Amino acid sequence: MKISLIYAAGGENKTFIGSADWMPRNLDNRVEVITPVYDSRIKEDLWKVIDFGLRGNCQGSVVDGSGKNCLWTTDTEESFRSQEELYKYYKSHITND
């Protein structure tokens, strides 16, 4: 599983992609790496995935590290299913070149 990381470094956003499983058992027994993403189209795509994921408010949970995960909720009543919306987004942007 991969994850994208976005840092706002003094107003200059930096985008990285790498392993999402940064746990001691993995960091102690193998090499975990991240790498910068330079292509603007790929960066835009990763930003979209993160944006949709953070906006999602259906069946999500916060993993807080204490073992007591809590249900993710937002202050909006309108539901946003991030995976479904991402699917619709990609489907509408497919080109048949």
PDB file of N, CA and C in Angstrom:
ATOM      1  N   MET A   1       0.835  -1.169   0.000  1.00  0.00           N
ATOM      2  CA  MET A   1       0.000   0.000   0.000  1.00  0.00           C
ATOM      3  C   MET A   1       0.882   1.236   0.000  1.00  0.00           C
ATOM      4  N   LYS A   2       0.542   2.192  -0.804  1.00  0.00           N
ATOM      5  CA  LYS A   2       1.329   3.422  -0.892  1.00  0.00           C
ATOM      6  C   LYS A   2       0.533   4.587  -0.343  1.00  0.00           C
ATOM      7  N   ILE A   3       1.249   5.597   0.068  1.00  0.00           N
ATOM      8  CA  ILE A   3       0.612   6.807   0.567  1.00  0.00           C
ATOM      9  C   ILE A   3       1.339   8.000  -0.015  1.00  0.00           C
ATOM     10  N   SER A   4       0.611   9.064  -0.230  1.00  0.00           N
ATOM     11  CA  SER A   4       1.261  10.286  -0.658  1.00  0.00           C
ATOM     12  C   SER A   4       1.337  11.225   0.532  1.00  0.00           C
ATOM     13  N   LEU A   5       2.407  11.940   0.617  1.00  0.00           N
ATOM     14  CA  LEU A   5       2.643  12.897   1.687  1.00  0.00           C
ATOM     15  C   LEU A   5       2.778  14.269   1.067  1.00  0.00           C
ATOM     16  N   ILE A   6       2.133  15.232   1.640  1.00  0.00           N
ATOM     17  CA  ILE A   6       2.207  16.593   1.122  1.00  0.00           C
ATOM     18  C   ILE A   6       2.647  17.500   2.257  1.00  0.00           C
ATOM     19  N   TYR A   7       3.682  18.282   2.006  1.00  0.00           N
ATOM     20  CA  TYR A   7       4.189  19.205   2.997  1.00  0.00           C
ATOM     21  C   TYR A   7       4.070  20.618   2.444  1.00  0.00           C
ATOM     22  N   ALA A   8       3.608  21.531   3.266  1.00  0.00           N
ATOM     23  CA  ALA A   8       3.579  22.943   2.897  1.00  0.00           C
ATOM     24  C   ALA A   8       4.836  23.553   3.493  1.00  0.00           C
ATOM     25  N   ALA A   9       5.875  23.571   2.715  1.00  0.00           N
ATOM     26  CA  ALA A   9       7.186  24.014   3.180  1.00  0.00           C
ATOM     27  C   ALA A   9       7.355  25.503   2.891  1.00  0.00           C
ATOM     28  N   GLY A  10       6.906  26.325   3.824  1.00  0.00           N
ATOM     29  CA  GLY A  10       7.032  27.771   3.636  1.00  0.00           C
ATOM     30  C   GLY A  10       6.278  28.260   2.421  1.00  0.00           C
ATOM     31  N   GLY A  11       5.144  27.649   2.133  1.00  0.00           N
ATOM     32  CA  GLY A  11       4.345  28.048   0.976  1.00  0.00           C
ATOM     33  C   GLY A  11       4.705  27.303  -0.292  1.00  0.00           C
ATOM     34  N   GLU A  12       5.800  26.577  -0.281  1.00  0.00           N
ATOM     35  CA  GLU A  12       6.197  25.780  -1.443  1.00  0.00           C
ATOM     36  C   GLU A  12       5.828  24.328  -1.160  1.00  0.00           C
ATOM     37  N   ASN A  13       4.695  23.890  -1.701  1.00  0.00           N
ATOM     38  CA  ASN A  13       4.223  22.536  -1.439  1.00  0.00           C
ATOM     39  C   ASN A  13       5.160  21.502  -2.050  1.00  0.00           C
ATOM     40  N   LYS A  14       5.413  20.475  -1.282  1.00  0.00           N
ATOM     41  CA  LYS A  14       6.246  19.363  -1.739  1.00  0.00           C
ATOM     42  C   LYS A  14       5.427  18.089  -1.615  1.00  0.00           C
ATOM     43  N   THR A  15       5.504  17.239  -2.625  1.00  0.00           N
ATOM     44  CA  THR A  15       4.705  16.023  -2.669  1.00  0.00           C
ATOM     45  C   THR A  15       5.625  14.817  -2.739  1.00  0.00           C
ATOM     46  N   PHE A  16       5.321  13.811  -1.917  1.00  0.00           N
ATOM     47  CA  PHE A  16       6.103  12.589  -1.862  1.00  0.00           C
ATOM     48  C   PHE A  16       5.159  11.400  -1.934  1.00  0.00           C
ATOM     49  N   ILE A  17       5.697  10.245  -2.328  1.00  0.00           N
ATOM     50  CA  ILE A  17       4.938   9.010  -2.309  1.00  0.00           C
ATOM     51  C   ILE A  17       5.840   7.923  -1.733  1.00  0.00           C
ATOM     52  N   GLY A  18       5.236   7.003  -0.982  1.00  0.00           N
ATOM     53  CA  GLY A  18       6.025   5.948  -0.373  1.00  0.00           C
ATOM     54  C   GLY A  18       5.152   4.988   0.394  1.00  0.00           C
ATOM     55  N   SER A  19       5.770   4.258   1.295  1.00  0.00           N
ATOM     56  CA  SER A  19       5.078   3.239   2.059  1.00  0.00           C
ATOM     57  C   SER A  19       4.156   3.863   3.097  1.00  0.00           C
ATOM     58  N   ALA A  20       2.973   3.266   3.255  1.00  0.00           N
ATOM     59  CA  ALA A  20       2.022   3.742   4.261  1.00  0.00           C
ATOM     60  C   ALA A  20       2.138   2.956   5.554  1.00  0.00           C
ATOM     61  N   ASP A  21       3.021   2.018   5.621  1.00  0.00           N
ATOM     62  CA  ASP A  21       3.089   1.114   6.767  1.00  0.00           C
ATOM     63  C   ASP A  21       4.326   1.409   7.617  1.00  0.00           C
ATOM     64  N   TRP A  22       4.462   2.631   8.075  1.00  0.00           N
ATOM     65  CA  TRP A  22       5.600   3.025   8.885  1.00  0.00           C
ATOM     66  C   TRP A  22       5.366   2.634  10.334  1.00  0.00           C
ATOM     67  N   MET A  23       5.538   1.364  10.607  1.00  0.00           N
ATOM     68  CA  MET A  23       5.372   0.849  11.962  1.00  0.00           C
ATOM     69  C   MET A  23       6.717   0.296  12.423  1.00  0.00           C
ATOM     70  N   PRO A  24       6.979   0.319  13.732  1.00  0.00           N
ATOM     71  CA  PRO A  24       8.280  -0.155  14.226  1.00  0.00           C
ATOM     72  C   PRO A  24       8.663  -1.528  13.694  1.00  0.00           C
ATOM     73  N   ARG A  25       7.711  -2.453  13.621  1.00  0.00           N
ATOM     74  CA  ARG A  25       8.058  -3.802  13.158  1.00  0.00           C
ATOM     75  C   ARG A  25       8.580  -3.780  11.727  1.00  0.00           C
ATOM     76  N   ASN A  26       8.126  -2.822  10.934  1.00  0.00           N
ATOM     77  CA  ASN A  26       8.599  -2.714   9.550  1.00  0.00           C
ATOM     78  C   ASN A  26       9.871  -1.887   9.454  1.00  0.00           C
ATOM     79  N   LEU A  27       9.930  -0.805  10.209  1.00  0.00           N
ATOM     80  CA  LEU A  27      11.113   0.045  10.158  1.00  0.00           C
ATOM     81  C   LEU A  27      12.337  -0.654  10.739  1.00  0.00           C
ATOM     82  N   ASP A  28      12.124  -1.577  11.661  1.00  0.00           N
ATOM     83  CA  ASP A  28      13.235  -2.297  12.271  1.00  0.00           C
ATOM     84  C   ASP A  28      13.715  -3.480  11.430  1.00  0.00           C
ATOM     85  N   ASN A  29      12.865  -3.984  10.546  1.00  0.00           N
ATOM     86  CA  ASN A  29      13.196  -5.217   9.826  1.00  0.00           C
ATOM     87  C   ASN A  29      13.327  -5.069   8.320  1.00  0.00           C
ATOM     88  N   ARG A  30      13.097  -3.882   7.795  1.00  0.00           N
ATOM     89  CA  ARG A  30      13.274  -3.672   6.362  1.00  0.00           C
ATOM     90  C   ARG A  30      13.440  -2.188   6.086  1.00  0.00           C
ATOM     91  N   VAL A  31      13.722  -1.864   4.865  1.00  0.00           N
ATOM     92  CA  VAL A  31      13.919  -0.471   4.478  1.00  0.00           C
ATOM     93  C   VAL A  31      12.596   0.082   3.950  1.00  0.00           C
ATOM     94  N   GLU A  32      12.141   1.182   4.539  1.00  0.00           N
ATOM     95  CA  GLU A  32      10.950   1.882   4.071  1.00  0.00           C
ATOM     96  C   GLU A  32      11.426   3.199   3.467  1.00  0.00           C
ATOM     97  N   VAL A  33      10.930   3.535   2.304  1.00  0.00           N
ATOM     98  CA  VAL A  33      11.401   4.741   1.626  1.00  0.00           C
ATOM     99  C   VAL A  33      10.240   5.586   1.128  1.00  0.00           C
ATOM    100  N   ILE A  34      10.521   6.862   0.918  1.00  0.00           N
ATOM    101  CA  ILE A  34       9.619   7.749   0.209  1.00  0.00           C
ATOM    102  C   ILE A  34      10.437   8.449  -0.859  1.00  0.00           C
ATOM    103  N   THR A  35       9.767   8.959  -1.863  1.00  0.00           N
ATOM    104  CA  THR A  35      10.459   9.653  -2.935  1.00  0.00           C
ATOM    105  C   THR A  35       9.634  10.861  -3.350  1.00  0.00           C
ATOM    106  N   PRO A  36      10.307  11.931  -3.766  1.00  0.00           N
ATOM    107  CA  PRO A  36       9.556  13.109  -4.207  1.00  0.00           C
ATOM    108  C   PRO A  36       8.853  12.844  -5.537  1.00  0.00           C
ATOM    109  N   VAL A  37       7.737  13.536  -5.735  1.00  0.00           N
ATOM    110  CA  VAL A  37       6.996  13.475  -6.999  1.00  0.00           C
ATOM    111  C   VAL A  37       7.176  14.827  -7.670  1.00  0.00           C
ATOM    112  N   TYR A  38       7.667  14.832  -8.909  1.00  0.00           N
ATOM    113  CA  TYR A  38       7.926  16.078  -9.619  1.00  0.00           C
ATOM    114  C   TYR A  38       6.905  16.371 -10.722  1.00  0.00           C
ATOM    115  N   ASP A  39       6.326  15.347 -11.304  1.00  0.00           N
ATOM    116  CA  ASP A  39       5.394  15.532 -12.408  1.00  0.00           C
ATOM    117  C   ASP A  39       4.129  16.246 -11.922  1.00  0.00           C
ATOM    118  N   SER A  40       3.784  17.363 -12.541  1.00  0.00           N
ATOM    119  CA  SER A  40       2.650  18.166 -12.071  1.00  0.00           C
ATOM    120  C   SER A  40       1.319  17.429 -12.191  1.00  0.00           C
ATOM    121  N   ARG A  41       1.163  16.598 -13.220  1.00  0.00           N
ATOM    122  CA  ARG A  41      -0.097  15.854 -13.365  1.00  0.00           C
ATOM    123  C   ARG A  41      -0.243  14.798 -12.268  1.00  0.00           C
ATOM    124  N   ILE A  42       0.848  14.137 -11.928  1.00  0.00           N
ATOM    125  CA  ILE A  42       0.800  13.131 -10.863  1.00  0.00           C
ATOM    126  C   ILE A  42       0.559  13.806  -9.518  1.00  0.00           C
ATOM    127  N   LYS A  43       1.211  14.956  -9.295  1.00  0.00           N
ATOM    128  CA  LYS A  43       0.977  15.701  -8.055  1.00  0.00           C
ATOM    129  C   LYS A  43      -0.488  16.082  -7.926  1.00  0.00           C
ATOM    130  N   GLU A  44      -1.065  16.579  -8.999  1.00  0.00           N
ATOM    131  CA  GLU A  44      -2.466  16.975  -8.983  1.00  0.00           C
ATOM    132  C   GLU A  44      -3.364  15.787  -8.643  1.00  0.00           C
ATOM    133  N   ASP A  45      -3.040  14.636  -9.201  1.00  0.00           N
ATOM    134  CA  ASP A  45      -3.802  13.422  -8.940  1.00  0.00           C
ATOM    135  C   ASP A  45      -3.688  13.016  -7.464  1.00  0.00           C
ATOM    136  N   LEU A  46      -2.496  13.066  -6.913  1.00  0.00           N
ATOM    137  CA  LEU A  46      -2.301  12.716  -5.506  1.00  0.00           C
ATOM    138  C   LEU A  46      -3.028  13.686  -4.584  1.00  0.00           C
ATOM    139  N   TRP A  47      -3.004  14.968  -4.932  1.00  0.00           N
ATOM    140  CA  TRP A  47      -3.724  15.965  -4.147  1.00  0.00           C
ATOM    141  C   TRP A  47      -5.221  15.663  -4.165  1.00  0.00           C
ATOM    142  N   LYS A  48      -5.735  15.239  -5.308  1.00  0.00           N
ATOM    143  CA  LYS A  48      -7.162  14.907  -5.430  1.00  0.00           C
ATOM    144  C   LYS A  48      -7.496  13.733  -4.503  1.00  0.00           C
ATOM    145  N   VAL A  49      -6.660  12.708  -4.490  1.00  0.00           N
ATOM    146  CA  VAL A  49      -6.889  11.537  -3.636  1.00  0.00           C
ATOM    147  C   VAL A  49      -6.909  11.950  -2.165  1.00  0.00           C
ATOM    148  N   ILE A  50      -5.964  12.770  -1.758  1.00  0.00           N
ATOM    149  CA  ILE A  50      -5.905  13.209  -0.366  1.00  0.00           C
ATOM    150  C   ILE A  50      -7.096  14.101  -0.030  1.00  0.00           C
ATOM    151  N   ASP A  51      -7.435  15.018  -0.923  1.00  0.00           N
ATOM    152  CA  ASP A  51      -8.582  15.893  -0.709  1.00  0.00           C
ATOM    153  C   ASP A  51      -9.861  15.085  -0.525  1.00  0.00           C
ATOM    154  N   PHE A  52     -10.098  14.138  -1.427  1.00  0.00           N
ATOM    155  CA  PHE A  52     -11.307  13.323  -1.324  1.00  0.00           C
ATOM    156  C   PHE A  52     -11.294  12.493  -0.043  1.00  0.00           C
ATOM    157  N   GLY A  53     -10.140  11.943   0.313  1.00  0.00           N
ATOM    158  CA  GLY A  53     -10.036  11.142   1.521  1.00  0.00           C
ATOM    159  C   GLY A  53     -10.340  11.949   2.773  1.00  0.00           C
ATOM    160  N   LEU A  54      -9.859  13.175   2.835  1.00  0.00           N
ATOM    161  CA  LEU A  54     -10.109  14.017   3.998  1.00  0.00           C
ATOM    162  C   LEU A  54     -11.546  14.519   4.046  1.00  0.00           C
ATOM    163  N   ARG A  55     -12.186  14.631   2.884  1.00  0.00           N
ATOM    164  CA  ARG A  55     -13.583  15.079   2.840  1.00  0.00           C
ATOM    165  C   ARG A  55     -14.559  13.942   3.127  1.00  0.00           C
ATOM    166  N   GLY A  56     -14.088  12.705   2.966  1.00  0.00           N
ATOM    167  CA  GLY A  56     -14.955  11.554   3.190  1.00  0.00           C
ATOM    168  C   GLY A  56     -15.486  11.530   4.611  1.00  0.00           C
ATOM    169  N   ASN A  57     -16.785  11.270   4.739  1.00  0.00           N
ATOM    170  CA  ASN A  57     -17.375  11.250   6.073  1.00  0.00           C
ATOM    171  C   ASN A  57     -18.315  10.062   6.271  1.00  0.00           C
ATOM    172  N   CYS A  58     -18.102   9.011   5.514  1.00  0.00           N
ATOM    173  CA  CYS A  58     -18.937   7.812   5.633  1.00  0.00           C
ATOM    174  C   CYS A  58     -18.053   6.614   5.974  1.00  0.00           C
ATOM    175  N   GLN A  59     -18.305   5.996   7.094  1.00  0.00           N
ATOM    176  CA  GLN A  59     -17.626   4.780   7.524  1.00  0.00           C
ATOM    177  C   GLN A  59     -16.117   4.929   7.639  1.00  0.00           C
ATOM    178  N   GLY A  60     -15.648   6.093   7.994  1.00  0.00           N
ATOM    179  CA  GLY A  60     -14.224   6.298   8.207  1.00  0.00           C
ATOM    180  C   GLY A  60     -13.915   6.306   9.695  1.00  0.00           C
ATOM    181  N   SER A  61     -12.657   6.106  10.041  1.00  0.00           N
ATOM    182  CA  SER A  61     -12.277   6.186  11.444  1.00  0.00           C
ATOM    183  C   SER A  61     -10.896   6.789  11.573  1.00  0.00           C
ATOM    184  N   VAL A  62     -10.632   7.326  12.735  1.00  0.00           N
ATOM    185  CA  VAL A  62      -9.335   7.907  13.048  1.00  0.00           C
ATOM    186  C   VAL A  62      -8.533   6.857  13.800  1.00  0.00           C
ATOM    187  N   VAL A  63      -7.342   6.564  13.325  1.00  0.00           N
ATOM    188  CA  VAL A  63      -6.449   5.641  14.019  1.00  0.00           C
ATOM    189  C   VAL A  63      -5.511   6.523  14.835  1.00  0.00           C
ATOM    190  N   ASP A  64      -5.736   6.562  16.140  1.00  0.00           N
ATOM    191  CA  ASP A  64      -5.023   7.518  16.987  1.00  0.00           C
ATOM    192  C   ASP A  64      -3.775   6.964  17.664  1.00  0.00           C
ATOM    193  N   GLY A  65      -3.464   5.704  17.460  1.00  0.00           N
ATOM    194  CA  GLY A  65      -2.261   5.130  18.039  1.00  0.00           C
ATOM    195  C   GLY A  65      -2.457   4.549  19.426  1.00  0.00           C
ATOM    196  N   SER A  66      -3.574   4.839  20.067  1.00  0.00           N
ATOM    197  CA  SER A  66      -3.813   4.324  21.413  1.00  0.00           C
ATOM    198  C   SER A  66      -4.563   2.998  21.386  1.00  0.00           C
ATOM    199  N   GLY A  67      -4.983   2.575  20.201  1.00  0.00           N
ATOM    200  CA  GLY A  67      -5.768   1.359  20.092  1.00  0.00           C
ATOM    201  C   GLY A  67      -7.255   1.609  20.236  1.00  0.00           C
ATOM    202  N   LYS A  68      -7.623   2.850  20.465  1.00  0.00           N
ATOM    203  CA  LYS A  68      -9.031   3.233  20.584  1.00  0.00           C
ATOM    204  C   LYS A  68      -9.396   4.099  19.386  1.00  0.00           C
ATOM    205  N   ASN A  69      -9.696   3.448  18.289  1.00  0.00           N
ATOM    206  CA  ASN A  69     -10.041   4.171  17.079  1.00  0.00           C
ATOM    207  C   ASN A  69     -11.442   4.753  17.227  1.00  0.00           C
ATOM    208  N   CYS A  70     -11.622   5.950  16.719  1.00  0.00           N
ATOM    209  CA  CYS A  70     -12.929   6.578  16.834  1.00  0.00           C
ATOM    210  C   CYS A  70     -13.496   6.863  15.444  1.00  0.00           C
ATOM    211  N   LEU A  71     -14.797   6.905  15.368  1.00  0.00           N
ATOM    212  CA  LEU A  71     -15.481   7.150  14.111  1.00  0.00           C
ATOM    213  C   LEU A  71     -15.193   8.569  13.638  1.00  0.00           C
ATOM    214  N   TRP A  72     -14.872   8.699  12.361  1.00  0.00           N
ATOM    215  CA  TRP A  72     -14.585   9.995  11.757  1.00  0.00           C
ATOM    216  C   TRP A  72     -15.901  10.652  11.379  1.00  0.00           C
ATOM    217  N   THR A  73     -16.110  11.836  11.856  1.00  0.00           N
ATOM    218  CA  THR A  73     -17.317  12.568  11.485  1.00  0.00           C
ATOM    219  C   THR A  73     -16.937  13.974  11.070  1.00  0.00           C
ATOM    220  N   THR A  74     -17.837  14.625  10.381  1.00  0.00           N
ATOM    221  CA  THR A  74     -17.619  16.014   9.996  1.00  0.00           C
ATOM    222  C   THR A  74     -18.803  16.829  10.459  1.00  0.00           C
ATOM    223  N   ASP A  75     -18.688  18.118  10.339  1.00  0.00           N
ATOM    224  CA  ASP A  75     -19.772  18.997  10.779  1.00  0.00           C
ATOM    225  C   ASP A  75     -20.808  19.246   9.681  1.00  0.00           C
ATOM    226  N   THR A  76     -20.747  18.502   8.613  1.00  0.00           N
ATOM    227  CA  THR A  76     -21.716  18.647   7.537  1.00  0.00           C
ATOM    228  C   THR A  76     -22.693  17.475   7.550  1.00  0.00           C
ATOM    229  N   GLU A  77     -23.912  17.735   7.167  1.00  0.00           N
ATOM    230  CA  GLU A  77     -24.899  16.663   7.115  1.00  0.00           C
ATOM    231  C   GLU A  77     -24.878  15.950   5.771  1.00  0.00           C
ATOM    232  N   GLU A  78     -24.268  16.562   4.780  1.00  0.00           N
ATOM    233  CA  GLU A  78     -24.207  15.955   3.456  1.00  0.00           C
ATOM    234  C   GLU A  78     -23.120  14.878   3.453  1.00  0.00           C
ATOM    235  N   SER A  79     -23.492  13.666   3.061  1.00  0.00           N
ATOM    236  CA  SER A  79     -22.510  12.584   3.061  1.00  0.00           C
ATOM    237  C   SER A  79     -21.602  12.687   1.840  1.00  0.00           C
ATOM    238  N   PHE A  80     -20.357  12.314   2.033  1.00  0.00           N
ATOM    239  CA  PHE A  80     -19.368  12.309   0.958  1.00  0.00           C
ATOM    240  C   PHE A  80     -18.619  10.993   1.056  1.00  0.00           C
ATOM    241  N   ARG A  81     -18.876  10.110   0.120  1.00  0.00           N
ATOM    242  CA  ARG A  81     -18.209   8.803   0.077  1.00  0.00           C
ATOM    243  C   ARG A  81     -16.971   8.953  -0.812  1.00  0.00           C
ATOM    244  N   SER A  82     -15.829   9.078  -0.174  1.00  0.00           N
ATOM    245  CA  SER A  82     -14.608   9.442  -0.891  1.00  0.00           C
ATOM    246  C   SER A  82     -14.240   8.455  -1.994  1.00  0.00           C
ATOM    247  N   GLN A  83     -14.332   7.160  -1.731  1.00  0.00           N
ATOM    248  CA  GLN A  83     -13.944   6.189  -2.759  1.00  0.00           C
ATOM    249  C   GLN A  83     -14.912   6.208  -3.931  1.00  0.00           C
ATOM    250  N   GLU A  84     -16.185   6.344  -3.634  1.00  0.00           N
ATOM    251  CA  GLU A  84     -17.183   6.413  -4.703  1.00  0.00           C
ATOM    252  C   GLU A  84     -16.999   7.679  -5.542  1.00  0.00           C
ATOM    253  N   GLU A  85     -16.751   8.793  -4.881  1.00  0.00           N
ATOM    254  CA  GLU A  85     -16.558  10.054  -5.595  1.00  0.00           C
ATOM    255  C   GLU A  85     -15.265  10.032  -6.407  1.00  0.00           C
ATOM    256  N   LEU A  86     -14.233   9.394  -5.882  1.00  0.00           N
ATOM    257  CA  LEU A  86     -12.977   9.280  -6.622  1.00  0.00           C
ATOM    258  C   LEU A  86     -13.180   8.415  -7.860  1.00  0.00           C
ATOM    259  N   TYR A  87     -13.937   7.343  -7.726  1.00  0.00           N
ATOM    260  CA  TYR A  87     -14.265   6.489  -8.873  1.00  0.00           C
ATOM    261  C   TYR A  87     -14.984   7.303  -9.938  1.00  0.00           C
ATOM    262  N   LYS A  88     -15.983   8.072  -9.541  1.00  0.00           N
ATOM    263  CA  LYS A  88     -16.733   8.903 -10.492  1.00  0.00           C
ATOM    264  C   LYS A  88     -15.810   9.916 -11.175  1.00  0.00           C
ATOM    265  N   TYR A  89     -14.913  10.503 -10.391  1.00  0.00           N
ATOM    266  CA  TYR A  89     -13.966  11.479 -10.937  1.00  0.00           C
ATOM    267  C   TYR A  89     -13.087  10.843 -12.013  1.00  0.00           C
ATOM    268  N   TYR A  90     -12.497   9.688 -11.682  1.00  0.00           N
ATOM    269  CA  TYR A  90     -11.633   9.014 -12.660  1.00  0.00           C
ATOM    270  C   TYR A  90     -12.415   8.567 -13.879  1.00  0.00           C
ATOM    271  N   LYS A  91     -13.586   8.042 -13.665  1.00  0.00           N
ATOM    272  CA  LYS A  91     -14.405   7.570 -14.775  1.00  0.00           C
ATOM    273  C   LYS A  91     -14.731   8.719 -15.731  1.00  0.00           C
ATOM    274  N   SER A  92     -14.996   9.895 -15.188  1.00  0.00           N
ATOM    275  CA  SER A  92     -15.340  11.039 -16.043  1.00  0.00           C
ATOM    276  C   SER A  92     -14.125  11.626 -16.750  1.00  0.00           C
ATOM    277  N   HIS A  93     -12.922  11.257 -16.318  1.00  0.00           N
ATOM    278  CA  HIS A  93     -11.696  11.795 -16.927  1.00  0.00           C
ATOM    279  C   HIS A  93     -10.962  10.785 -17.802  1.00  0.00           C
ATOM    280  N   ILE A  94     -11.575   9.634 -18.057  1.00  0.00           N
ATOM    281  CA  ILE A  94     -10.945   8.643 -18.918  1.00  0.00           C
ATOM    282  C   ILE A  94     -11.050   9.110 -20.365  1.00  0.00           C
ATOM    283  N   THR A  95      -9.927   9.026 -21.052  1.00  0.00           N
ATOM    284  CA  THR A  95      -9.943   9.373 -22.481  1.00  0.00           C
ATOM    285  C   THR A  95      -9.721   8.111 -23.295  1.00  0.00           C
ATOM    286  N   ASN A  96     -10.312   8.067 -24.429  1.00  0.00           N
ATOM    287  CA  ASN A  96     -10.148   6.924 -25.323  1.00  0.00           C
ATOM    288  C   ASN A  96      -9.253   7.300 -26.504  1.00  0.00           C
ATOM    289  N   ASP A  97      -8.031   7.640 -26.193  1.00  0.00           N
ATOM    290  CA  ASP A  97      -7.081   8.053 -27.246  1.00  0.00           C
ATOM    291  C   ASP A  97      -6.521   6.864 -27.980  1.00  0.00           C
TER     292      ASP A  97
END
